[in-house]
């Protein structure tokens, strides 16, 4: 049996309209924080043990590991858009799939980079009702040179 293809149990609670609105708000906030380079606030959208999987980089385990990595990169976003493609879930579990576009600079590069790609996030509803990411993965559509 393939657990990935398994449908949720019939008695599983589907995402409520309030949860769907909360996740939509989560994505809007994520987009805003990327645009404003507010890495500490962006990290607060992650569960403390969140696993992040950036393209062509080692997996970062924990919110603090991701935050340290992003701050060390001297990464500066000039523009960012997150284009939701789908999200769904049941109970306290949800996933989001988005496309992204951004323009950013890295220390030591002469010109900003335009990039687009895909993002997948797994979210868990916390006991206080807040949704936090447990896993983030993204990759670029750019061809490697």
N, C-alpha and C. Protein backbone atom coordinates (compact mmCIF):
# COMPACT_ATOMS: atom_id res chain seq x y z
N UNK A 1 0.84 -1.19 0.00
CA UNK A 1 0.00 0.00 0.00
C UNK A 1 0.89 1.24 0.00
N UNK A 2 0.58 2.16 -0.85
CA UNK A 2 1.34 3.41 -0.95
C UNK A 2 0.69 4.45 -0.03
N UNK A 3 1.35 4.83 1.07
CA UNK A 3 0.73 5.78 2.00
C UNK A 3 0.51 7.15 1.40
N UNK A 4 1.27 7.52 0.40
CA UNK A 4 1.10 8.83 -0.22
C UNK A 4 -0.22 8.91 -0.96
N UNK A 5 -0.65 7.80 -1.56
CA UNK A 5 -1.87 7.78 -2.35
C UNK A 5 -3.11 7.48 -1.51
N UNK A 6 -2.94 7.24 -0.24
CA UNK A 6 -4.06 6.88 0.62
C UNK A 6 -4.92 8.10 0.92
N UNK A 7 -6.22 7.95 0.76
CA UNK A 7 -7.15 9.03 1.08
C UNK A 7 -7.27 9.14 2.60
N UNK A 8 -7.63 10.34 3.10
CA UNK A 8 -7.83 10.47 4.54
C UNK A 8 -9.00 9.61 5.00
N UNK A 9 -9.00 9.21 6.26
CA UNK A 9 -10.12 8.42 6.75
C UNK A 9 -11.44 9.18 6.58
N UNK A 10 -12.52 8.44 6.41
CA UNK A 10 -13.82 9.08 6.19
C UNK A 10 -14.22 9.98 7.35
N UNK A 11 -13.77 9.68 8.55
CA UNK A 11 -14.15 10.49 9.71
C UNK A 11 -13.19 11.66 9.95
N UNK A 12 -12.22 11.87 9.05
CA UNK A 12 -11.27 12.98 9.21
C UNK A 12 -12.01 14.31 9.03
N UNK A 13 -11.63 15.27 9.80
CA UNK A 13 -12.23 16.59 9.72
C UNK A 13 -11.56 17.37 8.60
N UNK A 14 -12.33 17.83 7.65
CA UNK A 14 -11.77 18.64 6.56
C UNK A 14 -11.45 20.02 7.11
N UNK A 15 -10.62 20.76 6.37
CA UNK A 15 -10.30 22.12 6.81
C UNK A 15 -11.56 22.97 6.84
N UNK A 16 -11.76 23.65 7.93
CA UNK A 16 -12.92 24.53 8.07
C UNK A 16 -12.70 25.80 7.24
N UNK A 17 -13.76 26.54 6.95
CA UNK A 17 -13.58 27.83 6.28
C UNK A 17 -12.65 28.75 7.07
N UNK A 18 -12.70 28.70 8.40
CA UNK A 18 -11.83 29.53 9.23
C UNK A 18 -10.37 29.09 9.06
N UNK A 19 -10.11 27.79 9.00
CA UNK A 19 -8.75 27.30 8.78
C UNK A 19 -8.25 27.70 7.39
N UNK A 20 -9.11 27.60 6.39
CA UNK A 20 -8.72 28.00 5.02
C UNK A 20 -8.35 29.49 4.98
N UNK A 21 -9.13 30.31 5.66
CA UNK A 21 -8.83 31.75 5.73
C UNK A 21 -7.51 31.97 6.46
N UNK A 22 -7.29 31.24 7.55
CA UNK A 22 -6.04 31.39 8.32
C UNK A 22 -4.83 31.01 7.46
N UNK A 23 -4.95 29.96 6.66
CA UNK A 23 -3.83 29.54 5.81
C UNK A 23 -3.61 30.55 4.69
N UNK A 24 -4.68 31.08 4.12
CA UNK A 24 -4.54 32.13 3.11
C UNK A 24 -3.84 33.36 3.72
N UNK A 25 -4.21 33.72 4.92
CA UNK A 25 -3.57 34.84 5.63
C UNK A 25 -2.10 34.53 5.90
N UNK A 26 -1.81 33.30 6.26
CA UNK A 26 -0.43 32.84 6.49
C UNK A 26 0.41 33.10 5.22
N UNK A 27 -0.11 32.71 4.06
CA UNK A 27 0.64 32.88 2.80
C UNK A 27 0.83 34.36 2.46
N UNK A 28 -0.19 35.17 2.72
CA UNK A 28 -0.07 36.62 2.49
C UNK A 28 1.01 37.21 3.40
N UNK A 29 1.02 36.79 4.64
CA UNK A 29 2.05 37.27 5.60
C UNK A 29 3.43 36.82 5.17
N UNK A 30 3.54 35.57 4.75
CA UNK A 30 4.83 35.04 4.28
C UNK A 30 5.36 35.89 3.12
N UNK A 31 4.49 36.20 2.17
CA UNK A 31 4.90 37.01 1.03
C UNK A 31 5.37 38.40 1.49
N UNK A 32 4.64 39.02 2.38
CA UNK A 32 5.01 40.34 2.89
C UNK A 32 6.36 40.32 3.62
N UNK A 33 6.58 39.31 4.45
CA UNK A 33 7.82 39.25 5.22
C UNK A 33 9.03 39.00 4.31
N UNK A 34 8.84 38.21 3.25
CA UNK A 34 9.92 38.03 2.26
C UNK A 34 10.24 39.37 1.60
N UNK A 35 9.21 40.09 1.19
CA UNK A 35 9.40 41.38 0.50
C UNK A 35 10.14 42.39 1.37
N UNK A 36 9.92 42.30 2.68
CA UNK A 36 10.51 43.29 3.59
C UNK A 36 11.77 42.78 4.28
N UNK A 37 12.23 41.57 3.88
CA UNK A 37 13.45 41.01 4.45
C UNK A 37 13.39 40.89 5.97
N UNK A 38 12.22 40.62 6.48
CA UNK A 38 12.03 40.48 7.93
C UNK A 38 12.18 39.01 8.30
N UNK A 39 13.43 38.55 8.33
CA UNK A 39 13.73 37.13 8.53
C UNK A 39 13.30 36.62 9.89
N UNK A 40 13.45 37.42 10.91
CA UNK A 40 13.07 36.96 12.26
C UNK A 40 11.57 36.73 12.35
N UNK A 41 10.78 37.62 11.77
CA UNK A 41 9.32 37.42 11.77
C UNK A 41 8.93 36.26 10.87
N UNK A 42 9.63 36.10 9.75
CA UNK A 42 9.35 34.97 8.86
C UNK A 42 9.63 33.66 9.59
N UNK A 43 10.69 33.61 10.37
CA UNK A 43 11.01 32.40 11.13
C UNK A 43 9.91 32.06 12.12
N UNK A 44 9.17 33.05 12.58
CA UNK A 44 8.08 32.81 13.53
C UNK A 44 6.90 32.09 12.86
N UNK A 45 6.90 32.00 11.52
CA UNK A 45 5.88 31.23 10.82
C UNK A 45 6.22 29.74 10.79
N UNK A 46 7.40 29.41 11.33
CA UNK A 46 7.87 28.03 11.36
C UNK A 46 7.74 27.47 12.77
N UNK A 47 7.42 26.19 12.85
CA UNK A 47 7.49 25.50 14.14
C UNK A 47 8.96 25.47 14.57
N UNK A 48 9.25 25.44 15.86
CA UNK A 48 10.65 25.45 16.30
C UNK A 48 11.51 24.37 15.64
N UNK A 49 10.96 23.20 15.37
CA UNK A 49 11.73 22.12 14.75
C UNK A 49 11.56 22.03 13.24
N UNK A 50 11.08 23.08 12.62
CA UNK A 50 10.80 23.07 11.18
C UNK A 50 12.02 22.62 10.36
N UNK A 51 11.76 21.79 9.37
CA UNK A 51 12.79 21.34 8.44
C UNK A 51 12.65 22.16 7.16
N UNK A 52 13.73 22.85 6.77
CA UNK A 52 13.71 23.62 5.52
C UNK A 52 14.70 23.00 4.55
N UNK A 53 14.28 22.96 3.29
CA UNK A 53 15.08 22.31 2.26
C UNK A 53 15.28 23.28 1.10
N UNK A 54 16.28 24.16 1.21
CA UNK A 54 16.54 25.12 0.14
C UNK A 54 17.21 24.44 -1.06
N UNK A 55 17.09 25.04 -2.23
CA UNK A 55 17.70 24.44 -3.42
C UNK A 55 19.22 24.42 -3.32
N UNK A 56 19.81 23.32 -3.72
CA UNK A 56 21.27 23.16 -3.80
C UNK A 56 21.97 23.50 -2.48
N UNK A 57 21.30 23.28 -1.38
CA UNK A 57 21.87 23.54 -0.06
C UNK A 57 21.49 22.39 0.87
N UNK A 58 22.23 22.27 1.95
CA UNK A 58 21.93 21.26 2.95
C UNK A 58 20.61 21.58 3.65
N UNK A 59 19.94 20.54 4.08
CA UNK A 59 18.71 20.69 4.85
C UNK A 59 19.03 21.41 6.16
N UNK A 60 18.16 22.30 6.54
CA UNK A 60 18.29 23.02 7.82
C UNK A 60 17.24 22.47 8.77
N UNK A 61 17.67 22.00 9.93
CA UNK A 61 16.74 21.44 10.90
C UNK A 61 16.60 22.40 12.06
N UNK A 62 15.41 22.94 12.20
CA UNK A 62 15.10 23.89 13.26
C UNK A 62 15.02 25.31 12.75
N UNK A 63 14.13 26.05 13.35
CA UNK A 63 13.91 27.45 13.00
C UNK A 63 15.20 28.26 13.12
N UNK A 64 15.95 28.04 14.19
CA UNK A 64 17.18 28.82 14.41
C UNK A 64 18.24 28.51 13.36
N UNK A 65 18.33 27.26 12.92
CA UNK A 65 19.31 26.91 11.88
C UNK A 65 18.99 27.62 10.58
N UNK A 66 17.70 27.69 10.21
CA UNK A 66 17.30 28.40 9.00
C UNK A 66 17.62 29.89 9.14
N UNK A 67 17.28 30.46 10.28
CA UNK A 67 17.49 31.89 10.50
C UNK A 67 18.98 32.23 10.43
N UNK A 68 19.82 31.44 11.05
CA UNK A 68 21.27 31.68 11.00
C UNK A 68 21.76 31.61 9.56
N UNK A 69 21.31 30.61 8.82
CA UNK A 69 21.72 30.44 7.42
C UNK A 69 21.31 31.64 6.57
N UNK A 70 20.06 32.06 6.67
CA UNK A 70 19.57 33.16 5.82
C UNK A 70 20.27 34.47 6.17
N UNK A 71 20.56 34.69 7.44
CA UNK A 71 21.26 35.92 7.83
C UNK A 71 22.72 35.89 7.39
N UNK A 72 23.37 34.74 7.43
CA UNK A 72 24.76 34.64 6.99
C UNK A 72 24.91 34.84 5.48
N UNK A 73 23.87 34.55 4.73
CA UNK A 73 23.94 34.67 3.27
C UNK A 73 23.96 36.12 2.79
N UNK A 74 23.62 37.06 3.65
CA UNK A 74 23.49 38.47 3.24
C UNK A 74 22.58 38.56 2.03
N UNK A 75 21.47 37.90 2.14
CA UNK A 75 20.45 37.78 1.11
C UNK A 75 19.53 38.98 1.20
N UNK A 76 19.30 39.69 0.11
CA UNK A 76 18.45 40.89 0.13
C UNK A 76 17.40 40.77 -0.96
N UNK A 77 16.13 40.65 -0.57
CA UNK A 77 15.03 40.54 -1.52
C UNK A 77 14.58 41.94 -1.92
N UNK A 78 14.44 42.15 -3.23
CA UNK A 78 13.94 43.43 -3.76
C UNK A 78 12.46 43.32 -4.12
N UNK A 79 12.05 42.15 -4.59
CA UNK A 79 10.64 41.92 -4.92
C UNK A 79 10.36 40.43 -4.78
N UNK A 80 9.15 40.10 -4.36
CA UNK A 80 8.78 38.71 -4.16
C UNK A 80 7.28 38.56 -4.34
N UNK A 81 6.87 37.53 -5.05
CA UNK A 81 5.45 37.20 -5.12
C UNK A 81 5.28 35.70 -4.97
N UNK A 82 4.29 35.34 -4.22
CA UNK A 82 3.94 33.96 -3.95
C UNK A 82 2.59 33.72 -4.61
N UNK A 83 2.51 32.74 -5.50
CA UNK A 83 1.30 32.49 -6.26
C UNK A 83 0.76 31.12 -5.84
N UNK A 84 -0.23 31.09 -4.92
CA UNK A 84 -0.77 29.82 -4.47
C UNK A 84 -1.37 29.02 -5.63
N UNK A 85 -1.07 27.74 -5.66
CA UNK A 85 -1.60 26.83 -6.66
C UNK A 85 -2.66 25.91 -6.05
N UNK A 86 -2.41 25.46 -4.84
CA UNK A 86 -3.39 24.64 -4.13
C UNK A 86 -2.99 24.54 -2.67
N UNK A 87 -3.98 24.35 -1.85
CA UNK A 87 -3.72 23.92 -0.48
C UNK A 87 -4.93 23.14 0.01
N UNK A 88 -4.62 22.19 0.89
CA UNK A 88 -5.67 21.32 1.39
C UNK A 88 -5.17 20.67 2.67
N UNK A 89 -6.02 19.93 3.29
CA UNK A 89 -5.63 19.24 4.50
C UNK A 89 -6.85 18.72 5.23
N UNK A 90 -6.62 18.22 6.42
CA UNK A 90 -7.72 17.79 7.28
C UNK A 90 -7.24 17.87 8.72
N UNK A 91 -8.18 18.20 9.59
CA UNK A 91 -7.84 18.31 11.00
C UNK A 91 -6.79 19.38 11.25
N UNK A 92 -5.66 18.98 11.85
CA UNK A 92 -4.61 19.94 12.18
C UNK A 92 -3.44 19.88 11.20
N UNK A 93 -3.66 19.30 10.02
CA UNK A 93 -2.61 19.11 9.03
C UNK A 93 -3.04 19.76 7.72
N UNK A 94 -2.10 20.46 7.06
CA UNK A 94 -2.38 21.05 5.75
C UNK A 94 -1.09 21.11 4.95
N UNK A 95 -1.24 21.20 3.64
CA UNK A 95 -0.10 21.45 2.77
C UNK A 95 -0.46 22.61 1.86
N UNK A 96 0.58 23.32 1.43
CA UNK A 96 0.41 24.42 0.47
C UNK A 96 1.41 24.20 -0.67
N UNK A 97 0.95 24.45 -1.87
CA UNK A 97 1.83 24.38 -3.05
C UNK A 97 1.69 25.71 -3.77
N UNK A 98 2.82 26.35 -4.01
CA UNK A 98 2.82 27.68 -4.61
C UNK A 98 3.90 27.76 -5.68
N UNK A 99 3.76 28.73 -6.55
CA UNK A 99 4.85 29.17 -7.40
C UNK A 99 5.36 30.47 -6.80
N UNK A 100 6.59 30.81 -7.08
CA UNK A 100 7.12 32.09 -6.60
C UNK A 100 7.91 32.78 -7.71
N UNK A 101 8.02 34.07 -7.55
CA UNK A 101 8.90 34.90 -8.38
C UNK A 101 9.58 35.88 -7.44
N UNK A 102 10.87 36.07 -7.65
CA UNK A 102 11.54 37.07 -6.83
C UNK A 102 12.73 37.67 -7.55
N UNK A 103 13.14 38.79 -7.03
CA UNK A 103 14.34 39.48 -7.46
C UNK A 103 15.13 39.72 -6.18
N UNK A 104 16.39 39.29 -6.17
CA UNK A 104 17.18 39.40 -4.94
C UNK A 104 18.65 39.65 -5.27
N UNK A 105 19.37 40.07 -4.26
CA UNK A 105 20.82 40.27 -4.36
C UNK A 105 21.51 39.43 -3.31
N UNK A 106 22.70 38.98 -3.67
CA UNK A 106 23.58 38.29 -2.73
C UNK A 106 24.87 39.08 -2.63
N UNK A 107 25.40 39.16 -1.43
CA UNK A 107 26.67 39.86 -1.24
C UNK A 107 27.72 39.26 -2.18
N UNK A 108 28.47 40.15 -2.85
CA UNK A 108 29.52 39.71 -3.75
C UNK A 108 29.08 39.58 -5.21
N UNK A 109 27.79 39.68 -5.47
CA UNK A 109 27.30 39.63 -6.85
C UNK A 109 27.08 41.05 -7.35
N UNK A 110 27.43 41.27 -8.61
CA UNK A 110 27.29 42.61 -9.19
C UNK A 110 25.85 42.97 -9.52
N UNK A 111 25.04 42.00 -9.90
CA UNK A 111 23.69 42.28 -10.37
C UNK A 111 22.66 41.45 -9.58
N UNK A 112 21.46 42.03 -9.40
CA UNK A 112 20.39 41.25 -8.77
C UNK A 112 20.01 40.05 -9.64
N UNK A 113 19.40 39.07 -9.01
CA UNK A 113 18.99 37.84 -9.68
C UNK A 113 17.47 37.83 -9.78
N UNK A 114 16.95 37.53 -10.97
CA UNK A 114 15.52 37.26 -11.15
C UNK A 114 15.36 35.75 -11.14
N UNK A 115 14.40 35.26 -10.38
CA UNK A 115 14.22 33.82 -10.28
C UNK A 115 12.74 33.51 -10.12
N UNK A 116 12.37 32.32 -10.52
CA UNK A 116 11.03 31.80 -10.27
C UNK A 116 11.17 30.31 -9.99
N UNK A 117 10.19 29.78 -9.29
CA UNK A 117 10.26 28.37 -8.95
C UNK A 117 9.01 27.91 -8.22
N UNK A 118 9.19 26.83 -7.45
CA UNK A 118 8.08 26.17 -6.77
C UNK A 118 8.37 26.08 -5.27
N UNK A 119 7.31 26.09 -4.50
CA UNK A 119 7.39 26.02 -3.04
C UNK A 119 6.36 25.02 -2.55
N UNK A 120 6.75 24.19 -1.58
CA UNK A 120 5.83 23.27 -0.94
C UNK A 120 6.01 23.39 0.57
N UNK A 121 4.93 23.58 1.27
CA UNK A 121 4.98 23.69 2.71
C UNK A 121 3.99 22.75 3.39
N UNK A 122 4.40 22.20 4.50
CA UNK A 122 3.53 21.39 5.35
C UNK A 122 3.27 22.20 6.61
N UNK A 123 2.01 22.34 6.96
CA UNK A 123 1.62 23.14 8.12
C UNK A 123 0.89 22.28 9.13
N UNK A 124 1.08 22.61 10.40
CA UNK A 124 0.33 21.96 11.49
C UNK A 124 -0.34 23.04 12.32
N UNK A 125 -1.58 22.78 12.65
CA UNK A 125 -2.31 23.70 13.52
C UNK A 125 -1.87 23.45 14.95
N UNK A 126 -1.48 24.51 15.61
CA UNK A 126 -0.98 24.43 16.97
C UNK A 126 -2.15 24.44 17.96
N UNK A 127 -1.91 24.05 19.21
CA UNK A 127 -2.99 24.05 20.21
C UNK A 127 -3.68 25.41 20.36
N UNK A 128 -2.93 26.51 20.09
CA UNK A 128 -3.54 27.84 20.20
C UNK A 128 -4.30 28.25 18.94
N UNK A 129 -4.38 27.35 17.95
CA UNK A 129 -5.12 27.63 16.72
C UNK A 129 -4.27 28.23 15.61
N UNK A 130 -3.03 28.57 15.89
CA UNK A 130 -2.13 29.17 14.91
C UNK A 130 -1.54 28.07 14.02
N UNK A 131 -1.42 28.34 12.73
CA UNK A 131 -0.79 27.41 11.79
C UNK A 131 0.68 27.75 11.66
N UNK A 132 1.55 26.74 11.78
CA UNK A 132 2.99 26.91 11.62
C UNK A 132 3.52 25.85 10.66
N UNK A 133 4.58 26.20 9.94
CA UNK A 133 5.20 25.25 9.02
C UNK A 133 6.04 24.24 9.79
N UNK A 134 5.93 22.98 9.39
CA UNK A 134 6.83 21.95 9.91
C UNK A 134 7.88 21.60 8.87
N UNK A 135 7.57 21.87 7.60
CA UNK A 135 8.50 21.60 6.49
C UNK A 135 8.29 22.66 5.41
N UNK A 136 9.40 23.19 4.90
CA UNK A 136 9.40 24.09 3.74
C UNK A 136 10.41 23.54 2.74
N UNK A 137 10.00 23.48 1.50
CA UNK A 137 10.92 23.08 0.44
C UNK A 137 10.64 23.97 -0.77
N UNK A 138 11.70 24.44 -1.40
CA UNK A 138 11.52 25.23 -2.61
C UNK A 138 12.66 24.94 -3.56
N UNK A 139 12.38 25.14 -4.85
CA UNK A 139 13.43 24.99 -5.84
C UNK A 139 13.17 25.91 -7.01
N UNK A 140 14.24 26.26 -7.65
CA UNK A 140 14.22 27.22 -8.75
C UNK A 140 13.92 26.50 -10.07
N UNK A 141 13.26 27.22 -10.97
CA UNK A 141 13.04 26.72 -12.32
C UNK A 141 14.23 27.07 -13.23
N UNK A 142 15.17 27.87 -12.72
CA UNK A 142 16.34 28.29 -13.53
C UNK A 142 17.22 27.10 -13.87
N UNK A 143 17.74 27.12 -15.06
CA UNK A 143 18.68 26.07 -15.47
C UNK A 143 20.04 26.37 -14.85
N UNK A 144 20.67 25.34 -14.35
CA UNK A 144 22.03 25.50 -13.78
C UNK A 144 23.00 25.72 -14.92
N UNK A 145 23.94 26.61 -14.68
CA UNK A 145 24.98 26.84 -15.69
C UNK A 145 26.32 26.39 -15.19
